[in-house]
Amino acid sequence: MPAAAQIQDLGLPAIYLHTIAELLRQRGVDDRALLTRVGLDPACLTDDDVRVSLSQASEFVTRAIVESGEPGLGILLASELRLPLHGALGLAAMNSRTLGEAMDLMVRYLSLRAPHLRIFCRTEGDTTTLRVVSGFDLGPLQSFIMDAMVFGCVMMGIQLLGEPLRGARVHRRGHEPSYFQRFRQRIPVPVMYGCDEDAILIPRGQLSSPIRFSDEQAAEVSREQCEQALLRLNENAGFVARVRRVIETSHPFPPKLGRAAGTLFVSERTLKRRLQEENASFQMLVDEVRLERAQDLLVNTHMGLSQIADALGYADAANFTRAFKRWTGTSPSAHRHSCRELPQAG
């Protein structure tokens, strides 16, 4: 989706792609093979702190729809999106006092979960409308993304209240797709196509409906987490962060310079220049990610040095050991031993 290259790519939480992969597996599609074909490491997708570049996410979703033969994949995804999958935003919504408070959080912090979308809220008479708008042309993924977003919000309302939103309805742009009839019974509110916006219309009085999980103390903590996450996301809007996201989620690891450049729709020369403008280099970012992975594997697994070296793209354990000593001043074995001794020392 080249249009995505023209906007600020803040990435998409990897957990959503993991959820789509699980749906594919249920339908007999080899999800791991599909992920690796688009250059994504399946092992990285369960970490909510990991974000995938929009270009790779778009390629994966496009292929997922084709290989599964399911144009209604967005509605299936909407049905699977439990509130905790939305990270701090989901928890903040769960712990809000009312539906109106939860909606305000969605409007403010949506970029944490879907940075390419915006929600605009307006109230006219007795109706409050949540209008979903994309920051760029979604192209062939228009139906998938709006299905997942709009119907996902409807499902979120059910989770928050314990019942469907009484009196609510959904408006969708364009003609009703042929696949929708198969899913109509899954959507517990009326859906009307041929409208001039993608939106959820809610009776104003419903905004005061109490959330069944409400916990003011937990809400305050999760709102602060959202605020901090939003600050980090905005700080990571530069080109270095975009390249790092590609490196973190790449399969095989480490990615070649050309593969990373292609993913971001730039030439190798441009990638090098833009990194240099931010005082970074491709190899420096690869080594940063390698060090983080190495420390995690040394402390949290029983993998041998040869296995870790292979996972990090080194020819053998000796090369890995030399690199690790250069980064940290100590050997991998010594690092593993010292970190595992720390809890006992406390």
C-alpha atoms as a PDB file:
ATOM      1  CA  MET A   1       0.000   0.000   0.000  1.00  0.00           C
ATOM      2  CA  PRO A   2       2.313   2.805  -1.198  1.00  0.00           C
ATOM      3  CA  ALA A   3       0.043   5.531   0.172  1.00  0.00           C
ATOM      4  CA  ALA A   4       1.033   4.394   3.652  1.00  0.00           C
ATOM      5  CA  ALA A   5       4.597   5.373   2.934  1.00  0.00           C
ATOM      6  CA  GLN A   6       3.531   8.997   2.665  1.00  0.00           C
ATOM      7  CA  ILE A   7       2.196   9.198   6.234  1.00  0.00           C
ATOM      8  CA  GLN A   8       3.915   9.020   9.574  1.00  0.00           C
ATOM      9  CA  ASP A   9       4.302   5.286  10.181  1.00  0.00           C
ATOM     10  CA  LEU A  10       3.882   4.731  13.914  1.00  0.00           C
ATOM     11  CA  GLY A  11       3.430   1.006  13.408  1.00  0.00           C
ATOM     12  CA  LEU A  12       0.629  -1.336  14.446  1.00  0.00           C
ATOM     13  CA  PRO A  13       0.635  -3.435  17.647  1.00  0.00           C
ATOM     14  CA  ALA A  14       1.898  -6.876  16.659  1.00  0.00           C
ATOM     15  CA  ILE A  15      -0.696  -8.632  18.829  1.00  0.00           C
ATOM     16  CA  TYR A  16      -3.383  -7.855  16.237  1.00  0.00           C
ATOM     17  CA  LEU A  17      -1.436  -9.700  13.549  1.00  0.00           C
ATOM     18  CA  HIS A  18      -0.978 -12.591  15.979  1.00  0.00           C
ATOM     19  CA  THR A  19      -4.774 -12.715  16.411  1.00  0.00           C
ATOM     20  CA  ILE A  20      -5.271 -12.747  12.631  1.00  0.00           C
ATOM     21  CA  ALA A  21      -2.681 -15.540  12.376  1.00  0.00           C
ATOM     22  CA  GLU A  22      -4.676 -17.614  14.856  1.00  0.00           C
ATOM     23  CA  LEU A  23      -7.831 -17.100  12.782  1.00  0.00           C
ATOM     24  CA  LEU A  24      -5.948 -18.273   9.687  1.00  0.00           C
ATOM     25  CA  ARG A  25      -4.696 -21.380  11.491  1.00  0.00           C
ATOM     26  CA  GLN A  26      -8.282 -22.279  12.414  1.00  0.00           C
ATOM     27  CA  ARG A  27      -9.084 -22.169   8.711  1.00  0.00           C
ATOM     28  CA  GLY A  28      -6.257 -24.452   7.694  1.00  0.00           C
ATOM     29  CA  VAL A  29      -3.885 -21.733   6.453  1.00  0.00           C
ATOM     30  CA  ASP A  30      -0.202 -22.074   7.336  1.00  0.00           C
ATOM     31  CA  ASP A  31       0.018 -18.796   9.254  1.00  0.00           C
ATOM     32  CA  ARG A  32       3.708 -19.127  10.122  1.00  0.00           C
ATOM     33  CA  ALA A  33       4.681 -19.617   6.496  1.00  0.00           C
ATOM     34  CA  LEU A  34       2.572 -16.621   5.493  1.00  0.00           C
ATOM     35  CA  LEU A  35       4.167 -14.416   8.159  1.00  0.00           C
ATOM     36  CA  THR A  36       7.696 -15.379   7.179  1.00  0.00           C
ATOM     37  CA  ARG A  37       6.931 -14.775   3.494  1.00  0.00           C
ATOM     38  CA  VAL A  38       6.257 -11.138   4.287  1.00  0.00           C
ATOM     39  CA  GLY A  39       9.399 -10.984   6.422  1.00  0.00           C
ATOM     40  CA  LEU A  40       7.766 -11.151   9.879  1.00  0.00           C
ATOM     41  CA  ASP A  41       8.998 -13.272  12.774  1.00  0.00           C
ATOM     42  CA  PRO A  42       6.000 -15.140  14.283  1.00  0.00           C
ATOM     43  CA  ALA A  43       7.772 -15.341  17.655  1.00  0.00           C
ATOM     44  CA  CYS A  44       7.721 -11.538  18.026  1.00  0.00           C
ATOM     45  CA  LEU A  45       4.001 -11.020  17.556  1.00  0.00           C
ATOM     46  CA  THR A  46       2.765 -11.949  21.023  1.00  0.00           C
ATOM     47  CA  ASP A  47       4.659  -9.093  22.688  1.00  0.00           C
ATOM     48  CA  ASP A  48       2.369  -6.076  23.090  1.00  0.00           C
ATOM     49  CA  ASP A  49       5.368  -3.739  23.138  1.00  0.00           C
ATOM     50  CA  VAL A  50       6.288  -4.753  19.579  1.00  0.00           C
ATOM     51  CA  ARG A  51       4.867  -2.770  16.678  1.00  0.00           C
ATOM     52  CA  VAL A  52       4.901  -3.807  13.012  1.00  0.00           C
ATOM     53  CA  SER A  53       5.387  -1.336  10.171  1.00  0.00           C
ATOM     54  CA  LEU A  54       2.156  -0.463   8.373  1.00  0.00           C
ATOM     55  CA  SER A  55       3.560  -1.665   5.046  1.00  0.00           C
ATOM     56  CA  GLN A  56       4.307  -5.154   6.392  1.00  0.00           C
ATOM     57  CA  ALA A  57       1.004  -5.306   8.260  1.00  0.00           C
ATOM     58  CA  SER A  58      -0.837  -4.338   5.068  1.00  0.00           C
ATOM     59  CA  GLU A  59       0.980  -6.965   3.008  1.00  0.00           C
ATOM     60  CA  PHE A  60       0.241  -9.661   5.580  1.00  0.00           C
ATOM     61  CA  VAL A  61      -3.473  -8.789   5.804  1.00  0.00           C
ATOM     62  CA  THR A  62      -3.834  -8.637   2.017  1.00  0.00           C
ATOM     63  CA  ARG A  63      -2.281 -12.095   1.641  1.00  0.00           C
ATOM     64  CA  ALA A  64      -4.302 -13.416   4.593  1.00  0.00           C
ATOM     65  CA  ILE A  65      -7.576 -12.455   2.910  1.00  0.00           C
ATOM     66  CA  VAL A  66      -6.506 -14.054  -0.360  1.00  0.00           C
ATOM     67  CA  GLU A  67      -5.142 -17.288   1.114  1.00  0.00           C
ATOM     68  CA  SER A  68      -8.024 -17.792   3.534  1.00  0.00           C
ATOM     69  CA  GLY A  69     -10.588 -16.970   0.852  1.00  0.00           C
ATOM     70  CA  GLU A  70     -12.430 -14.966   3.501  1.00  0.00           C
ATOM     71  CA  PRO A  71     -13.253 -11.353   2.551  1.00  0.00           C
ATOM     72  CA  GLY A  72     -15.029 -10.977   5.901  1.00  0.00           C
ATOM     73  CA  LEU A  73     -11.811 -11.482   7.865  1.00  0.00           C
ATOM     74  CA  GLY A  74     -12.197  -8.028   9.432  1.00  0.00           C
ATOM     75  CA  ILE A  75     -15.514  -9.023  11.046  1.00  0.00           C
ATOM     76  CA  LEU A  76     -13.962 -12.243  12.344  1.00  0.00           C
ATOM     77  CA  LEU A  77     -11.122 -10.202  13.837  1.00  0.00           C
ATOM     78  CA  ALA A  78     -13.611  -7.799  15.457  1.00  0.00           C
ATOM     79  CA  SER A  79     -15.229 -10.783  17.195  1.00  0.00           C
ATOM     80  CA  GLU A  80     -11.886 -11.880  18.651  1.00  0.00           C
ATOM     81  CA  LEU A  81     -10.720  -8.520  20.017  1.00  0.00           C
ATOM     82  CA  ARG A  82     -11.046  -8.855  23.777  1.00  0.00           C
ATOM     83  CA  LEU A  83     -10.440  -5.674  25.764  1.00  0.00           C
ATOM     84  CA  PRO A  84      -7.061  -6.750  27.263  1.00  0.00           C
ATOM     85  CA  LEU A  85      -5.693  -7.145  23.713  1.00  0.00           C
ATOM     86  CA  HIS A  86      -5.891  -3.353  23.426  1.00  0.00           C
ATOM     87  CA  GLY A  87      -3.183  -2.904  26.042  1.00  0.00           C
ATOM     88  CA  ALA A  88      -3.337   0.039  28.442  1.00  0.00           C
ATOM     89  CA  LEU A  89      -6.195   1.575  26.423  1.00  0.00           C
ATOM     90  CA  GLY A  90      -8.319  -1.552  26.822  1.00  0.00           C
ATOM     91  CA  LEU A  91      -7.648  -1.653  30.562  1.00  0.00           C
ATOM     92  CA  ALA A  92      -8.417   2.050  30.948  1.00  0.00           C
ATOM     93  CA  ALA A  93     -11.731   1.565  29.135  1.00  0.00           C
ATOM     94  CA  MET A  94     -12.588  -1.463  31.294  1.00  0.00           C
ATOM     95  CA  ASN A  95     -11.989   0.496  34.486  1.00  0.00           C
ATOM     96  CA  SER A  96     -13.889   3.624  33.437  1.00  0.00           C
ATOM     97  CA  ARG A  97     -17.042   4.593  35.315  1.00  0.00           C
ATOM     98  CA  THR A  98     -19.311   5.068  32.310  1.00  0.00           C
ATOM     99  CA  LEU A  99     -19.552   4.310  28.618  1.00  0.00           C
ATOM    100  CA  GLY A 100     -19.041   8.008  27.892  1.00  0.00           C
ATOM    101  CA  GLU A 101     -15.732   8.006  29.776  1.00  0.00           C
ATOM    102  CA  ALA A 102     -14.576   4.922  27.881  1.00  0.00           C
ATOM    103  CA  MET A 103     -15.484   6.608  24.572  1.00  0.00           C
ATOM    104  CA  ASP A 104     -13.496   9.718  25.496  1.00  0.00           C
ATOM    105  CA  LEU A 105     -10.461   7.504  26.096  1.00  0.00           C
ATOM    106  CA  MET A 106     -10.905   5.836  22.698  1.00  0.00           C
ATOM    107  CA  VAL A 107     -10.971   9.212  20.980  1.00  0.00           C
ATOM    108  CA  ARG A 108      -7.868  10.480  22.801  1.00  0.00           C
ATOM    109  CA  TYR A 109      -5.695   7.376  22.683  1.00  0.00           C
ATOM    110  CA  LEU A 110      -6.764   5.550  19.507  1.00  0.00           C
ATOM    111  CA  SER A 111      -3.379   6.260  17.895  1.00  0.00           C
ATOM    112  CA  LEU A 112      -1.826   3.839  20.409  1.00  0.00           C
ATOM    113  CA  ARG A 113      -3.683   0.981  18.742  1.00  0.00           C
ATOM    114  CA  ALA A 114      -4.591   2.221  15.221  1.00  0.00           C
ATOM    115  CA  PRO A 115      -2.417   5.237  14.365  1.00  0.00           C
ATOM    116  CA  HIS A 116      -3.778   5.427  10.820  1.00  0.00           C
ATOM    117  CA  LEU A 117      -7.345   6.020  12.073  1.00  0.00           C
ATOM    118  CA  ARG A 118      -9.130   8.817  13.909  1.00  0.00           C
ATOM    119  CA  ILE A 119     -12.451   8.939  15.754  1.00  0.00           C
ATOM    120  CA  PHE A 120     -14.507  12.121  15.751  1.00  0.00           C
ATOM    121  CA  CYS A 121     -17.340  12.456  18.237  1.00  0.00           C
ATOM    122  CA  ARG A 122     -20.360  14.734  17.796  1.00  0.00           C
ATOM    123  CA  THR A 123     -23.729  15.023  19.528  1.00  0.00           C
ATOM    124  CA  GLU A 124     -26.839  16.144  17.709  1.00  0.00           C
ATOM    125  CA  GLY A 125     -30.073  16.105  19.670  1.00  0.00           C
ATOM    126  CA  ASP A 126     -30.420  12.754  21.415  1.00  0.00           C
ATOM    127  CA  THR A 127     -27.771  10.968  19.314  1.00  0.00           C
ATOM    128  CA  THR A 128     -23.997  10.804  19.758  1.00  0.00           C
ATOM    129  CA  THR A 129     -22.069   9.753  16.664  1.00  0.00           C
ATOM    130  CA  LEU A 130     -18.601   8.222  16.614  1.00  0.00           C
ATOM    131  CA  ARG A 131     -17.243   8.719  13.090  1.00  0.00           C
ATOM    132  CA  VAL A 132     -14.189   6.681  12.035  1.00  0.00           C
ATOM    133  CA  VAL A 133     -11.879   8.322   9.500  1.00  0.00           C
ATOM    134  CA  SER A 134      -8.625   7.125   7.934  1.00  0.00           C
ATOM    135  CA  GLY A 135      -5.590   9.357   7.553  1.00  0.00           C
ATOM    136  CA  PHE A 136      -4.935   7.956   4.062  1.00  0.00           C
ATOM    137  CA  ASP A 137      -6.549   5.984   1.269  1.00  0.00           C
ATOM    138  CA  LEU A 138      -6.983   2.443   2.567  1.00  0.00           C
ATOM    139  CA  GLY A 139      -7.311   1.047  -0.937  1.00  0.00           C
ATOM    140  CA  PRO A 140      -8.236  -2.658  -1.093  1.00  0.00           C
ATOM    141  CA  LEU A 141      -8.067  -2.901   2.713  1.00  0.00           C
ATOM    142  CA  GLN A 142     -10.876  -0.369   3.202  1.00  0.00           C
ATOM    143  CA  SER A 143     -13.515  -2.998   4.025  1.00  0.00           C
ATOM    144  CA  PHE A 144     -11.229  -5.070   6.241  1.00  0.00           C
ATOM    145  CA  ILE A 145     -10.026  -2.135   8.345  1.00  0.00           C
ATOM    146  CA  MET A 146     -13.434  -0.524   8.759  1.00  0.00           C
ATOM    147  CA  ASP A 147     -15.040  -3.905   9.526  1.00  0.00           C
ATOM    148  CA  ALA A 148     -12.470  -4.549  12.227  1.00  0.00           C
ATOM    149  CA  MET A 149     -12.667  -1.028  13.668  1.00  0.00           C
ATOM    150  CA  VAL A 150     -16.379  -0.232  13.564  1.00  0.00           C
ATOM    151  CA  PHE A 151     -17.675  -3.683  14.463  1.00  0.00           C
ATOM    152  CA  GLY A 152     -14.817  -4.081  16.944  1.00  0.00           C
ATOM    153  CA  CYS A 153     -16.092  -0.998  18.795  1.00  0.00           C
ATOM    154  CA  VAL A 154     -19.586  -2.522  18.880  1.00  0.00           C
ATOM    155  CA  MET A 155     -18.146  -5.708  20.401  1.00  0.00           C
ATOM    156  CA  MET A 156     -16.144  -3.644  22.873  1.00  0.00           C
ATOM    157  CA  GLY A 157     -19.368  -1.994  24.012  1.00  0.00           C
ATOM    158  CA  ILE A 158     -20.878  -5.399  24.753  1.00  0.00           C
ATOM    159  CA  GLN A 159     -17.821  -6.374  26.795  1.00  0.00           C
ATOM    160  CA  LEU A 160     -17.966  -3.127  28.773  1.00  0.00           C
ATOM    161  CA  LEU A 161     -21.688  -3.197  29.521  1.00  0.00           C
ATOM    162  CA  GLY A 162     -22.413  -6.926  29.540  1.00  0.00           C
ATOM    163  CA  GLU A 163     -25.123  -6.439  26.900  1.00  0.00           C
ATOM    164  CA  PRO A 164     -25.540  -4.879  23.424  1.00  0.00           C
ATOM    165  CA  LEU A 165     -25.813  -1.098  23.164  1.00  0.00           C
ATOM    166  CA  ARG A 166     -29.561  -0.451  23.288  1.00  0.00           C
ATOM    167  CA  GLY A 167     -30.755   1.756  20.465  1.00  0.00           C
ATOM    168  CA  ALA A 168     -27.349   1.873  18.772  1.00  0.00           C
ATOM    169  CA  ARG A 169     -26.855   1.433  15.036  1.00  0.00           C
ATOM    170  CA  VAL A 170     -23.996   1.351  12.551  1.00  0.00           C
ATOM    171  CA  HIS A 171     -23.639   3.373   9.357  1.00  0.00           C
ATOM    172  CA  ARG A 172     -21.246   2.211   6.637  1.00  0.00           C
ATOM    173  CA  ARG A 173     -20.117   3.849   3.442  1.00  0.00           C
ATOM    174  CA  GLY A 174     -20.473   2.137   0.072  1.00  0.00           C
ATOM    175  CA  HIS A 175     -22.554  -0.778  -1.067  1.00  0.00           C
ATOM    176  CA  GLU A 176     -23.186  -3.708   1.261  1.00  0.00           C
ATOM    177  CA  PRO A 177     -20.508  -6.318   0.461  1.00  0.00           C
ATOM    178  CA  SER A 178     -21.753  -9.729  -0.608  1.00  0.00           C
ATOM    179  CA  TYR A 179     -20.065 -11.443   2.356  1.00  0.00           C
ATOM    180  CA  PHE A 180     -21.887  -9.370   4.980  1.00  0.00           C
ATOM    181  CA  GLN A 181     -25.059 -11.489   4.922  1.00  0.00           C
ATOM    182  CA  ARG A 182     -23.053 -14.423   6.322  1.00  0.00           C
ATOM    183  CA  PHE A 183     -22.085 -12.320   9.340  1.00  0.00           C
ATOM    184  CA  ARG A 184     -25.167 -10.186   9.912  1.00  0.00           C
ATOM    185  CA  GLN A 185     -26.323 -12.295  12.871  1.00  0.00           C
ATOM    186  CA  ARG A 186     -22.970 -11.674  14.610  1.00  0.00           C
ATOM    187  CA  ILE A 187     -23.584  -7.925  14.756  1.00  0.00           C
ATOM    188  CA  PRO A 188     -26.092  -7.216  17.560  1.00  0.00           C
ATOM    189  CA  VAL A 189     -27.126  -3.781  16.254  1.00  0.00           C
ATOM    190  CA  PRO A 190     -28.734  -2.664  12.965  1.00  0.00           C
ATOM    191  CA  VAL A 191     -26.247  -1.988  10.157  1.00  0.00           C
ATOM    192  CA  MET A 192     -27.049   0.325   7.259  1.00  0.00           C
ATOM    193  CA  TYR A 193     -24.856   0.591   4.151  1.00  0.00           C
ATOM    194  CA  GLY A 194     -24.903   3.333   1.532  1.00  0.00           C
ATOM    195  CA  CYS A 195     -24.293   6.057   4.106  1.00  0.00           C
ATOM    196  CA  ASP A 196     -21.894   8.993   3.865  1.00  0.00           C
ATOM    197  CA  GLU A 197     -19.718   7.922   6.802  1.00  0.00           C
ATOM    198  CA  ASP A 198     -18.433   4.915   8.746  1.00  0.00           C
ATOM    199  CA  ALA A 199     -19.879   5.498  12.187  1.00  0.00           C
ATOM    200  CA  ILE A 200     -21.573   4.166  15.310  1.00  0.00           C
ATOM    201  CA  LEU A 201     -24.662   6.072  16.426  1.00  0.00           C
ATOM    202  CA  ILE A 202     -25.521   5.794  20.115  1.00  0.00           C
ATOM    203  CA  PRO A 203     -28.476   7.254  22.040  1.00  0.00           C
ATOM    204  CA  ARG A 204     -27.079  10.071  24.167  1.00  0.00           C
ATOM    205  CA  GLY A 205     -28.617   8.609  27.312  1.00  0.00           C
ATOM    206  CA  GLN A 206     -26.526   5.451  26.914  1.00  0.00           C
ATOM    207  CA  LEU A 207     -23.322   7.378  27.612  1.00  0.00           C
ATOM    208  CA  SER A 208     -24.106   7.336  31.350  1.00  0.00           C
ATOM    209  CA  SER A 209     -24.385   3.521  31.383  1.00  0.00           C
ATOM    210  CA  PRO A 210     -22.072   2.100  34.087  1.00  0.00           C
ATOM    211  CA  ILE A 211     -19.112  -0.059  33.105  1.00  0.00           C
ATOM    212  CA  ARG A 212     -19.317  -3.423  34.836  1.00  0.00           C
ATOM    213  CA  PHE A 213     -15.573  -3.620  35.597  1.00  0.00           C
ATOM    214  CA  SER A 214     -15.282  -0.046  36.908  1.00  0.00           C
ATOM    215  CA  ASP A 215     -12.352   0.536  39.283  1.00  0.00           C
ATOM    216  CA  GLU A 216     -11.347   4.170  39.773  1.00  0.00           C
ATOM    217  CA  GLN A 217      -7.884   3.431  41.161  1.00  0.00           C
ATOM    218  CA  ALA A 218      -7.063   1.010  38.344  1.00  0.00           C
ATOM    219  CA  ALA A 219      -8.521   3.489  35.850  1.00  0.00           C
ATOM    220  CA  GLU A 220      -6.174   6.218  37.052  1.00  0.00           C
ATOM    221  CA  VAL A 221      -3.144   3.946  36.709  1.00  0.00           C
ATOM    222  CA  SER A 222      -4.103   2.748  33.227  1.00  0.00           C
ATOM    223  CA  ARG A 223      -4.884   6.281  32.030  1.00  0.00           C
ATOM    224  CA  GLU A 224      -1.421   7.363  33.131  1.00  0.00           C
ATOM    225  CA  GLN A 225       0.018   4.364  31.264  1.00  0.00           C
ATOM    226  CA  CYS A 226      -1.849   5.514  28.143  1.00  0.00           C
ATOM    227  CA  GLU A 227      -0.454   9.025  28.505  1.00  0.00           C
ATOM    228  CA  GLN A 228       3.096   7.743  28.901  1.00  0.00           C
ATOM    229  CA  ALA A 229       2.671   5.352  25.970  1.00  0.00           C
ATOM    230  CA  LEU A 230       1.403   8.222  23.808  1.00  0.00           C
ATOM    231  CA  LEU A 231       4.456  10.297  24.703  1.00  0.00           C
ATOM    232  CA  ARG A 232       6.771   7.400  23.807  1.00  0.00           C
ATOM    233  CA  LEU A 233       4.941   6.792  20.552  1.00  0.00           C
ATOM    234  CA  ASN A 234       5.298  10.413  19.506  1.00  0.00           C
ATOM    235  CA  GLU A 235       8.983  10.383  20.493  1.00  0.00           C
ATOM    236  CA  ASN A 236       9.432   7.300  18.312  1.00  0.00           C
ATOM    237  CA  ALA A 237       7.958   8.927  15.232  1.00  0.00           C
ATOM    238  CA  GLY A 238      11.362   9.443  13.579  1.00  0.00           C
ATOM    239  CA  PHE A 239      12.956   7.366  10.846  1.00  0.00           C
ATOM    240  CA  VAL A 240      15.235   5.538  13.297  1.00  0.00           C
ATOM    241  CA  ALA A 241      12.185   4.146  15.103  1.00  0.00           C
ATOM    242  CA  ARG A 242      10.620   3.038  11.814  1.00  0.00           C
ATOM    243  CA  VAL A 243      13.762   1.147  10.789  1.00  0.00           C
ATOM    244  CA  ARG A 244      14.093  -0.370  14.249  1.00  0.00           C
ATOM    245  CA  ARG A 245      10.529  -1.701  14.077  1.00  0.00           C
ATOM    246  CA  VAL A 246      11.360  -3.484  10.820  1.00  0.00           C
ATOM    247  CA  ILE A 247      14.517  -4.975  12.347  1.00  0.00           C
ATOM    248  CA  GLU A 248      12.727  -6.111  15.530  1.00  0.00           C
ATOM    249  CA  THR A 249      10.051  -8.057  13.670  1.00  0.00           C
ATOM    250  CA  SER A 250      12.084  -9.382  10.733  1.00  0.00           C
ATOM    251  CA  HIS A 251      12.400 -12.970   9.618  1.00  0.00           C
ATOM    252  CA  PRO A 252      15.043 -14.070   8.923  1.00  0.00           C
ATOM    253  CA  PHE A 253      16.995 -12.064  11.457  1.00  0.00           C
ATOM    254  CA  PRO A 254      18.905  -9.863  10.967  1.00  0.00           C
ATOM    255  CA  PRO A 255      17.321  -8.397   7.840  1.00  0.00           C
ATOM    256  CA  LYS A 256      19.407  -7.256   4.918  1.00  0.00           C
ATOM    257  CA  LEU A 257      19.655  -3.524   4.314  1.00  0.00           C
ATOM    258  CA  GLY A 258      17.849  -3.877   0.990  1.00  0.00           C
ATOM    259  CA  ARG A 259      14.943  -5.767   2.574  1.00  0.00           C
ATOM    260  CA  ALA A 260      14.498  -3.093   5.234  1.00  0.00           C
ATOM    261  CA  ALA A 261      14.653  -0.317   2.640  1.00  0.00           C
ATOM    262  CA  GLY A 262      12.080  -2.073   0.458  1.00  0.00           C
ATOM    263  CA  THR A 263       9.727  -2.520   3.406  1.00  0.00           C
ATOM    264  CA  LEU A 264       9.847   1.223   4.032  1.00  0.00           C
ATOM    265  CA  PHE A 265       9.526   2.122   0.322  1.00  0.00           C
ATOM    266  CA  VAL A 266      12.889   3.904   0.144  1.00  0.00           C
ATOM    267  CA  SER A 267      16.176   3.169  -1.614  1.00  0.00           C
ATOM    268  CA  GLU A 268      19.155   1.803   0.313  1.00  0.00           C
ATOM    269  CA  ARG A 269      20.922   5.110  -0.233  1.00  0.00           C
ATOM    270  CA  THR A 270      17.980   7.079   1.177  1.00  0.00           C
ATOM    271  CA  LEU A 271      17.706   4.770   4.186  1.00  0.00           C
ATOM    272  CA  LYS A 272      21.390   5.282   4.992  1.00  0.00           C
ATOM    273  CA  ARG A 273      21.125   9.050   4.543  1.00  0.00           C
ATOM    274  CA  ARG A 274      18.039   9.436   6.707  1.00  0.00           C
ATOM    275  CA  LEU A 275      19.551   7.343   9.472  1.00  0.00           C
ATOM    276  CA  GLN A 276      22.710   9.410   9.297  1.00  0.00           C
ATOM    277  CA  GLU A 277      20.598  12.557   9.689  1.00  0.00           C
ATOM    278  CA  GLU A 278      19.437  11.122  13.037  1.00  0.00           C
ATOM    279  CA  ASN A 279      22.988  10.113  14.029  1.00  0.00           C
ATOM    280  CA  ALA A 280      22.406   6.404  13.506  1.00  0.00           C
ATOM    281  CA  SER A 281      23.347   3.614  11.122  1.00  0.00           C
ATOM    282  CA  PHE A 282      21.632   0.413  10.036  1.00  0.00           C
ATOM    283  CA  GLN A 283      24.325  -1.790  11.604  1.00  0.00           C
ATOM    284  CA  MET A 284      24.083   0.129  14.886  1.00  0.00           C
ATOM    285  CA  LEU A 285      20.339  -0.548  15.062  1.00  0.00           C
ATOM    286  CA  VAL A 286      20.825  -4.218  14.189  1.00  0.00           C
ATOM    287  CA  ASP A 287      23.392  -4.529  16.990  1.00  0.00           C
ATOM    288  CA  GLU A 288      21.060  -2.801  19.470  1.00  0.00           C
ATOM    289  CA  VAL A 289      18.295  -5.290  18.722  1.00  0.00           C
ATOM    290  CA  ARG A 290      20.796  -8.170  18.775  1.00  0.00           C
ATOM    291  CA  LEU A 291      22.015  -7.170  22.237  1.00  0.00           C
ATOM    292  CA  GLU A 292      18.475  -6.927  23.611  1.00  0.00           C
ATOM    293  CA  ARG A 293      17.592 -10.344  22.160  1.00  0.00           C
ATOM    294  CA  ALA A 294      20.834 -11.869  23.374  1.00  0.00           C
ATOM    295  CA  GLN A 295      20.278 -10.663  26.944  1.00  0.00           C
ATOM    296  CA  ASP A 296      16.721 -11.977  26.914  1.00  0.00           C
ATOM    297  CA  LEU A 297      17.730 -15.405  25.564  1.00  0.00           C
ATOM    298  CA  LEU A 298      20.628 -15.722  28.003  1.00  0.00           C
ATOM    299  CA  VAL A 299      18.536 -14.903  31.058  1.00  0.00           C
ATOM    300  CA  ASN A 300      15.129 -16.339  30.189  1.00  0.00           C
ATOM    301  CA  THR A 301      15.947 -19.511  28.242  1.00  0.00           C
ATOM    302  CA  HIS A 302      18.253 -22.517  28.533  1.00  0.00           C
ATOM    303  CA  MET A 303      19.441 -22.220  24.941  1.00  0.00           C
ATOM    304  CA  GLY A 304      23.120 -22.933  24.404  1.00  0.00           C
ATOM    305  CA  LEU A 305      25.477 -20.321  23.003  1.00  0.00           C
ATOM    306  CA  SER A 306      25.470 -21.965  19.578  1.00  0.00           C
ATOM    307  CA  GLN A 307      21.670 -21.869  19.458  1.00  0.00           C
ATOM    308  CA  ILE A 308      21.594 -18.214  20.512  1.00  0.00           C
ATOM    309  CA  ALA A 309      24.283 -17.361  17.962  1.00  0.00           C
ATOM    310  CA  ASP A 310      22.194 -19.001  15.239  1.00  0.00           C
ATOM    311  CA  ALA A 311      19.044 -17.145  16.360  1.00  0.00           C
ATOM    312  CA  LEU A 312      20.913 -13.841  16.164  1.00  0.00           C
ATOM    313  CA  GLY A 313      22.363 -14.481  12.723  1.00  0.00           C
ATOM    314  CA  TYR A 314      25.970 -15.311  13.682  1.00  0.00           C
ATOM    315  CA  ALA A 315      27.991 -18.007  11.971  1.00  0.00           C
ATOM    316  CA  ASP A 316      29.031 -19.606  15.260  1.00  0.00           C
ATOM    317  CA  ALA A 317      29.203 -19.149  19.043  1.00  0.00           C
ATOM    318  CA  ALA A 318      32.701 -17.662  18.872  1.00  0.00           C
ATOM    319  CA  ASN A 319      31.561 -14.761  16.682  1.00  0.00           C
ATOM    320  CA  PHE A 320      28.600 -14.144  18.958  1.00  0.00           C
ATOM    321  CA  THR A 321      30.800 -14.226  22.078  1.00  0.00           C
ATOM    322  CA  ARG A 322      33.226 -11.687  20.598  1.00  0.00           C
ATOM    323  CA  ALA A 323      30.367  -9.343  19.671  1.00  0.00           C
ATOM    324  CA  PHE A 324      28.732  -9.680  23.104  1.00  0.00           C
ATOM    325  CA  LYS A 325      32.022  -8.868  24.852  1.00  0.00           C
ATOM    326  CA  ARG A 326      32.427  -5.826  22.610  1.00  0.00           C
ATOM    327  CA  TRP A 327      28.948  -4.594  23.554  1.00  0.00           C
ATOM    328  CA  THR A 328      29.004  -5.313  27.288  1.00  0.00           C
ATOM    329  CA  GLY A 329      32.593  -5.933  28.366  1.00  0.00           C
ATOM    330  CA  THR A 330      31.695  -9.402  29.624  1.00  0.00           C
ATOM    331  CA  SER A 331      31.116 -12.856  28.140  1.00  0.00           C
ATOM    332  CA  PRO A 332      27.635 -14.273  27.454  1.00  0.00           C
ATOM    333  CA  SER A 333      28.179 -17.049  30.009  1.00  0.00           C
ATOM    334  CA  ALA A 334      29.259 -14.584  32.694  1.00  0.00           C
ATOM    335  CA  HIS A 335      26.240 -12.387  31.949  1.00  0.00           C
ATOM    336  CA  ARG A 336      23.890 -15.368  32.214  1.00  0.00           C
ATOM    337  CA  HIS A 337      25.439 -16.472  35.498  1.00  0.00           C
ATOM    338  CA  SER A 338      25.391 -13.012  37.099  1.00  0.00           C
ATOM    339  CA  CYS A 339      21.780 -12.290  36.124  1.00  0.00           C
ATOM    340  CA  ARG A 340      20.547 -15.642  37.441  1.00  0.00           C
ATOM    341  CA  GLU A 341      22.371 -15.054  40.707  1.00  0.00           C
ATOM    342  CA  LEU A 342      20.723 -11.669  41.300  1.00  0.00           C
ATOM    343  CA  PRO A 343      17.440 -12.932  42.819  1.00  0.00           C
ATOM    344  CA  GLN A 344      19.329 -15.141  45.268  1.00  0.00           C
ATOM    345  CA  ALA A 345      21.547 -12.228  46.298  1.00  0.00           C
ATOM    346  CA  GLY A 346      18.406 -10.197  47.158  1.00  0.00           C
END
